[in-house]
Protein backbone atom coordinates (compact mmCIF):
# COMPACT_ATOMS: atom_id res chain seq x y z
CA MET A 1 -35.19 -8.63 14.62
CA ILE A 2 -32.55 -7.94 11.98
CA LYS A 3 -30.08 -5.19 12.73
CA ALA A 4 -30.53 -3.02 9.66
CA ASN A 5 -27.52 -0.86 10.32
CA TYR A 6 -25.37 -3.94 9.77
CA ALA A 7 -27.31 -6.30 7.52
CA PHE A 8 -28.51 -3.68 5.04
CA LYS A 9 -25.73 -1.14 5.10
CA PHE A 10 -24.52 -1.99 1.61
CA LEU A 11 -27.96 -1.68 -0.04
CA PRO A 12 -29.35 1.45 -1.70
CA LEU A 13 -31.53 3.48 0.66
CA PHE A 14 -34.76 2.99 -1.32
CA VAL A 15 -34.29 -0.80 -1.13
CA ILE A 16 -33.65 -0.61 2.61
CA HIS A 17 -36.84 1.37 3.20
CA LEU A 18 -38.85 -1.00 1.00
CA LEU A 19 -37.61 -4.00 2.98
CA SER A 20 -38.26 -2.19 6.24
CA HIS A 21 -41.90 -1.58 5.28
CA GLU A 22 -42.37 -5.13 3.99
CA PHE A 23 -40.96 -6.86 7.06
CA GLY A 24 -41.93 -4.35 9.71
CA LEU A 25 -38.40 -3.35 10.62
CA ALA A 26 -39.43 -0.11 12.26
CA GLU A 27 -35.99 0.64 13.63
CA VAL A 28 -34.54 1.04 10.13
CA SER A 29 -34.04 4.73 9.39
CA THR A 30 -32.08 6.86 7.00
CA ALA A 31 -30.20 8.27 9.97
CA ASP A 32 -29.20 4.77 11.08
CA ILE A 33 -27.96 3.81 7.64
CA MET A 34 -26.22 7.08 6.86
CA GLY A 35 -24.63 7.08 10.29
CA ASN A 36 -23.23 3.62 9.69
CA GLN A 37 -22.03 4.59 6.23
CA ALA A 38 -20.31 7.62 7.71
CA GLN A 39 -18.54 5.31 10.13
CA GLU A 40 -17.58 3.10 7.20
CA LYS A 41 -16.11 6.20 5.59
CA SER A 42 -13.42 5.69 8.22
CA VAL A 43 -10.76 7.69 9.90
CA HIS A 44 -8.66 7.43 6.73
CA VAL A 45 -10.89 9.59 4.55
CA GLU A 46 -11.44 12.02 7.41
CA ARG A 47 -7.69 12.38 7.86
CA LEU A 48 -7.22 13.04 4.16
CA GLU A 49 -9.99 15.63 4.09
CA GLN A 50 -8.51 17.48 7.06
CA SER A 51 -4.89 17.30 5.93
CA PRO A 52 -3.15 20.65 5.32
CA ARG A 53 -0.70 19.04 2.90
CA HIS A 54 -0.82 19.28 -0.89
CA HIS A 55 -2.34 16.20 -2.52
CA GLU A 56 -2.42 15.60 -6.24
CA TRP A 57 -3.11 12.88 -8.76
CA VAL A 58 -0.57 12.44 -11.51
CA GLU A 59 -0.30 10.21 -14.57
CA ILE A 60 3.22 8.79 -14.80
CA PRO A 61 4.04 7.60 -18.34
CA VAL A 62 5.45 4.11 -18.67
CA GLY A 63 8.05 3.75 -21.40
CA GLU A 64 10.45 1.04 -22.40
CA ILE A 65 12.97 2.11 -19.80
CA ALA A 66 14.25 -1.28 -18.73
CA ASP A 67 16.46 -3.54 -20.80
CA GLY A 68 16.05 -7.28 -20.36
CA LEU A 69 12.34 -7.28 -19.61
CA ASN A 70 10.23 -9.51 -21.83
CA TYR A 71 7.37 -7.05 -21.69
CA VAL A 72 6.37 -4.15 -23.89
CA PRO A 73 3.77 -1.79 -22.38
CA GLU A 74 0.74 -0.71 -24.33
CA GLU A 75 1.28 2.53 -26.19
CA GLY A 76 0.31 5.48 -24.03
CA ARG A 77 0.21 3.44 -20.81
CA SER A 78 0.51 5.47 -17.63
CA ILE A 79 0.30 4.85 -13.89
CA LYS A 80 -2.19 6.93 -11.94
CA SER A 81 -0.49 7.91 -8.69
CA PHE A 82 -1.44 9.79 -5.55
CA VAL A 83 1.30 12.22 -4.51
CA VAL A 84 1.58 14.00 -1.18
CA TYR A 85 4.00 16.86 -0.60
CA PRO A 86 5.31 17.62 2.90
CA GLU A 87 5.23 21.07 4.44
CA ARG A 88 8.91 21.97 4.55
CA SER A 89 11.23 24.69 3.25
CA ASP A 90 13.79 22.37 1.66
CA ASN A 91 13.73 19.36 -0.64
CA ALA A 92 12.41 16.08 0.69
CA PRO A 93 13.41 12.42 0.29
CA VAL A 94 10.90 10.45 -1.77
CA VAL A 95 9.13 7.28 -0.64
CA ILE A 96 7.10 5.05 -2.96
CA ALA A 97 4.24 3.37 -1.05
CA ILE A 98 3.05 0.13 -2.67
CA HIS A 99 -0.50 -0.85 -1.80
CA GLU A 100 -1.91 -4.10 -0.43
CA ASN A 101 -3.71 -6.68 -2.54
CA ARG A 102 -6.84 -4.53 -2.27
CA GLY A 103 -5.47 -1.91 -4.65
CA LEU A 104 -4.95 1.78 -3.92
CA THR A 105 -7.35 2.24 -1.01
CA ASP A 106 -8.11 5.20 1.22
CA TRP A 107 -5.87 3.69 3.90
CA VAL A 108 -2.83 3.66 1.60
CA ARG A 109 -3.49 7.27 0.66
CA SER A 110 -3.86 8.09 4.35
CA PHE A 111 -0.55 6.36 5.08
CA ALA A 112 1.05 8.49 2.36
CA ASP A 113 -0.31 11.62 4.01
CA GLN A 114 0.91 10.56 7.45
CA LEU A 115 4.39 9.90 6.10
CA ALA A 116 4.38 13.26 4.34
CA ALA A 117 3.55 14.84 7.69
CA GLU A 118 6.95 13.55 8.81
CA GLY A 119 8.71 15.37 5.98
CA TYR A 120 8.70 12.86 3.12
CA LEU A 121 7.42 13.31 -0.42
CA VAL A 122 5.27 10.23 -0.94
CA ILE A 123 4.08 8.62 -4.17
CA ALA A 124 1.40 5.93 -3.98
CA PRO A 125 0.97 4.34 -7.42
CA ASP A 126 -2.19 2.51 -8.42
CA LEU A 127 -0.84 -0.66 -9.98
CA LEU A 128 -4.28 -1.44 -11.36
CA SER A 129 -4.00 1.57 -13.67
CA ASP A 130 -5.07 0.80 -17.25
CA PHE A 131 -5.94 -2.76 -16.27
CA ASP A 132 -8.17 -3.13 -19.31
CA ALA A 133 -10.72 -1.18 -21.35
CA GLU A 134 -13.29 -1.37 -18.55
CA PHE A 135 -11.14 -0.92 -15.46
CA GLY A 136 -8.71 1.99 -15.49
CA GLU A 137 -7.94 2.19 -11.76
CA THR A 138 -8.73 0.57 -8.41
CA ALA A 139 -11.83 2.73 -7.91
CA ASP A 140 -13.42 1.22 -11.03
CA PHE A 141 -13.70 -2.24 -9.46
CA ALA A 142 -16.96 -3.12 -7.74
CA ASN A 143 -15.26 -4.32 -4.58
CA GLN A 144 -11.91 -5.22 -3.09
CA ASP A 145 -12.28 -8.89 -3.98
CA ASP A 146 -12.51 -7.97 -7.66
CA ALA A 147 -9.48 -5.69 -7.30
CA ARG A 148 -7.57 -8.49 -5.59
CA THR A 149 -8.37 -10.93 -8.40
CA ALA A 150 -7.16 -8.40 -10.97
CA LEU A 151 -3.90 -7.74 -9.11
CA TYR A 152 -2.98 -11.40 -9.13
CA ALA A 153 -3.58 -11.48 -12.89
CA LEU A 154 -0.98 -8.77 -13.58
CA ASN A 155 2.14 -9.59 -15.55
CA PRO A 156 5.06 -9.42 -13.05
CA GLU A 157 7.24 -7.67 -15.60
CA GLN A 158 4.55 -5.06 -16.11
CA ILE A 159 4.68 -4.40 -12.36
CA THR A 160 8.45 -4.01 -12.55
CA LEU A 161 8.24 -1.60 -15.45
CA ASP A 162 5.51 0.41 -13.74
CA LEU A 163 7.57 0.73 -10.56
CA LEU A 164 10.67 1.67 -12.53
CA ALA A 165 8.64 4.48 -14.11
CA VAL A 166 7.48 5.66 -10.67
CA GLN A 167 11.04 5.52 -9.34
CA ALA A 168 12.32 7.54 -12.30
CA TYR A 169 9.54 10.09 -11.79
CA GLY A 170 10.30 10.43 -8.08
CA ALA A 171 14.03 10.77 -8.63
CA VAL A 172 13.68 13.95 -10.68
CA LEU A 173 10.89 15.77 -8.83
CA GLU A 174 11.97 19.35 -8.27
CA ALA A 175 10.84 19.25 -4.63
CA GLY A 176 12.67 15.98 -4.00
CA THR A 177 16.26 15.26 -3.06
CA GLY A 178 16.66 12.56 -5.71
CA GLU A 179 16.75 9.91 -2.98
CA VAL A 180 14.00 7.30 -3.42
CA SER A 181 12.98 4.53 -1.02
CA VAL A 182 10.16 2.03 -1.34
CA ALA A 183 7.78 0.60 1.25
CA GLY A 184 4.94 -1.85 0.68
CA PHE A 185 2.31 -3.80 2.54
CA CYS A 186 1.09 -7.39 2.14
CA TRP A 187 1.12 -7.92 -1.66
CA GLY A 188 2.91 -4.59 -1.85
CA GLY A 189 5.47 -5.84 0.64
CA ALA A 190 6.25 -8.77 -1.63
CA GLN A 191 6.47 -6.38 -4.58
CA THR A 192 8.83 -4.16 -2.59
CA PHE A 193 11.21 -7.06 -1.99
CA ARG A 194 10.89 -8.17 -5.60
CA PHE A 195 11.41 -4.66 -6.95
CA ALA A 196 14.65 -4.40 -4.99
CA THR A 197 15.92 -7.34 -7.06
CA ASN A 198 15.07 -5.53 -10.30
CA THR A 199 16.34 -2.00 -9.84
CA SER A 200 19.26 0.03 -8.60
CA GLY A 201 19.50 3.44 -7.02
CA LEU A 202 17.05 2.91 -4.18
CA ALA A 203 17.96 4.22 -0.73
CA GLY A 204 16.17 1.42 1.10
CA ALA A 205 13.37 -1.16 0.91
CA TYR A 206 10.79 -1.60 3.68
CA VAL A 207 8.82 -4.83 3.56
CA PHE A 208 5.65 -5.02 5.67
CA TYR A 209 4.45 -8.62 6.05
CA GLY A 210 5.19 -9.48 2.43
CA SER A 211 6.61 -12.64 0.92
CA SER A 212 10.33 -12.93 0.22
CA PRO A 213 11.90 -13.82 -3.15
CA ALA A 214 11.82 -17.56 -3.66
CA GLU A 215 15.07 -17.87 -5.62
CA THR A 216 18.35 -17.56 -3.72
CA ALA A 217 20.03 -16.01 -6.76
CA ASP A 218 17.62 -13.05 -6.61
CA TYR A 219 19.20 -11.75 -3.41
CA ALA A 220 22.52 -11.16 -5.13
CA ARG A 221 20.82 -8.54 -7.31
CA ILE A 222 19.70 -6.43 -4.34
CA SER A 223 21.94 -3.42 -3.77
CA VAL A 224 20.15 -1.73 -0.84
CA PRO A 225 19.34 -2.64 2.76
CA VAL A 226 16.02 -4.43 3.23
CA TYR A 227 14.07 -4.03 6.46
CA GLY A 228 11.21 -6.33 7.40
CA PHE A 229 8.16 -5.70 9.59
CA TYR A 230 6.28 -8.88 10.47
CA ALA A 231 3.33 -9.95 12.61
CA GLU A 232 3.64 -12.61 15.27
CA ASN A 233 0.46 -14.35 14.13
CA ASP A 234 1.34 -14.64 10.44
CA GLN A 235 3.11 -17.93 9.94
CA ARG A 236 2.28 -17.99 6.23
CA ILE A 237 4.83 -15.20 5.87
CA ASN A 238 7.09 -15.85 8.84
CA SER A 239 7.80 -19.44 7.81
CA GLN A 240 9.84 -17.97 4.95
CA LEU A 241 12.14 -15.96 7.21
CA PRO A 242 14.82 -18.59 7.99
CA ALA A 243 15.45 -19.11 4.27
CA THR A 244 15.36 -15.35 3.69
CA VAL A 245 17.96 -14.74 6.39
CA GLU A 246 20.20 -17.47 4.96
CA ALA A 247 19.93 -16.23 1.37
CA ALA A 248 20.55 -12.62 2.42
CA ALA A 249 23.65 -13.64 4.37
CA GLU A 250 25.04 -15.59 1.42
CA ALA A 251 24.52 -12.53 -0.81
CA GLY A 252 26.07 -10.15 1.70
CA LEU A 253 22.75 -8.30 1.90
CA THR A 254 21.67 -6.26 4.89
CA PHE A 255 18.35 -7.76 5.97
CA GLU A 256 17.03 -6.77 9.38
CA TYR A 257 13.56 -7.53 10.64
CA GLU A 258 11.27 -7.32 13.63
CA ILE A 259 8.33 -9.52 14.59
CA TYR A 260 5.71 -7.59 16.55
CA PRO A 261 4.12 -9.53 19.46
CA GLY A 262 0.39 -10.05 19.51
CA SER A 263 -0.16 -8.70 16.01
CA GLY A 264 -1.69 -10.21 12.90
CA HIS A 265 -1.25 -9.71 9.17
CA ALA A 266 -2.03 -6.16 7.99
CA PHE A 267 -1.42 -4.65 11.42
CA MET A 268 -0.39 -1.31 9.92
CA ARG A 269 -3.92 -0.85 8.56
CA LEU A 270 -5.88 -2.73 11.21
CA GLY A 271 -3.94 -1.06 14.00
CA GLU A 272 -5.43 2.30 13.00
CA GLU A 273 -9.05 1.19 13.15
CA PRO A 274 -11.25 2.37 16.05
CA ASP A 275 -11.77 -1.25 17.11
CA ALA A 276 -8.10 -2.27 16.71
CA SER A 277 -6.84 -5.05 18.93
CA VAL A 278 -4.19 -4.16 21.47
CA GLY A 279 -1.65 -6.27 19.59
CA ASN A 280 -2.29 -4.64 16.22
CA ALA A 281 -2.40 -1.11 17.63
CA SER A 282 0.85 -1.61 19.54
CA ALA A 283 2.54 -3.19 16.52
CA ARG A 284 1.43 -0.36 14.26
CA ASP A 285 2.82 2.28 16.63
CA ALA A 286 6.12 0.46 17.17
CA ALA A 287 6.58 -0.25 13.45
CA TRP A 288 5.82 3.38 12.62
CA VAL A 289 8.55 4.61 14.97
CA ARG A 290 11.00 2.07 13.57
CA LEU A 291 10.17 3.04 9.98
CA LEU A 292 10.82 6.72 10.68
CA ASN A 293 14.09 5.93 12.43
CA LEU A 294 15.27 3.77 9.55
CA LEU A 295 14.25 6.29 6.91
CA GLY A 296 16.21 8.89 8.82
CA LYS A 297 19.31 6.70 8.64
CA ASP A 298 19.18 6.16 4.86
């Protein structure tokens, strides 16, 4: 007997009921399907819905604000961004949160809210904004695989210009201190490291299991400390670390990292899931504490 609450959970309800009648799957019910879909809704959406903090979507205009880039943005281009304000009586440091290679997901927005709960003003840009005439943001893609394919088709200099626009926006927010840091995950971790080579004025860069710059000369352009958060079971990324440490030392760059035992790639997201492994959950908690301590030092 097929388990409908797993096999059919992505189908429209009328199709599920039709199949149930045709094949005699009596255990298939609307309650089963809706219950599973509610579970799929995840703790991330629930956290966002229950948050007392102010959330807003903003459109950050992208102008020609960077000399030396061989890229001119389309006229009127803007970056849709999710902004979370902390509950505090004074101005807050700003953190840019760069999403994984899945685009701006509910988990990234939930991370932004959690960080805001610690007193930070967090901006999570959707780097798939204005992708083309059909897809204007992550939510427009049919699934995360399609979003991933689109992300890897982006012009790297467009990404730089977009992030420069977000940094400039964050630096002048009236509720901010003017101090801007950046943190990113997976693809966003690599973009965090790369962005640090293409900007100035950041307070710090926090790389979660993202690739390092390939060119040694790039490290000399980094003017802020870089902190790495890596999984033990992620040799695709960790194999780069010896060269990263060497290049950072040659450039006089502060690069400090931790490898979290028993964890795998994407442990910050996977460690929050109800079925998280012990290794991922422990790594997520330890990395969270370290991130807050480091942000407090900057």
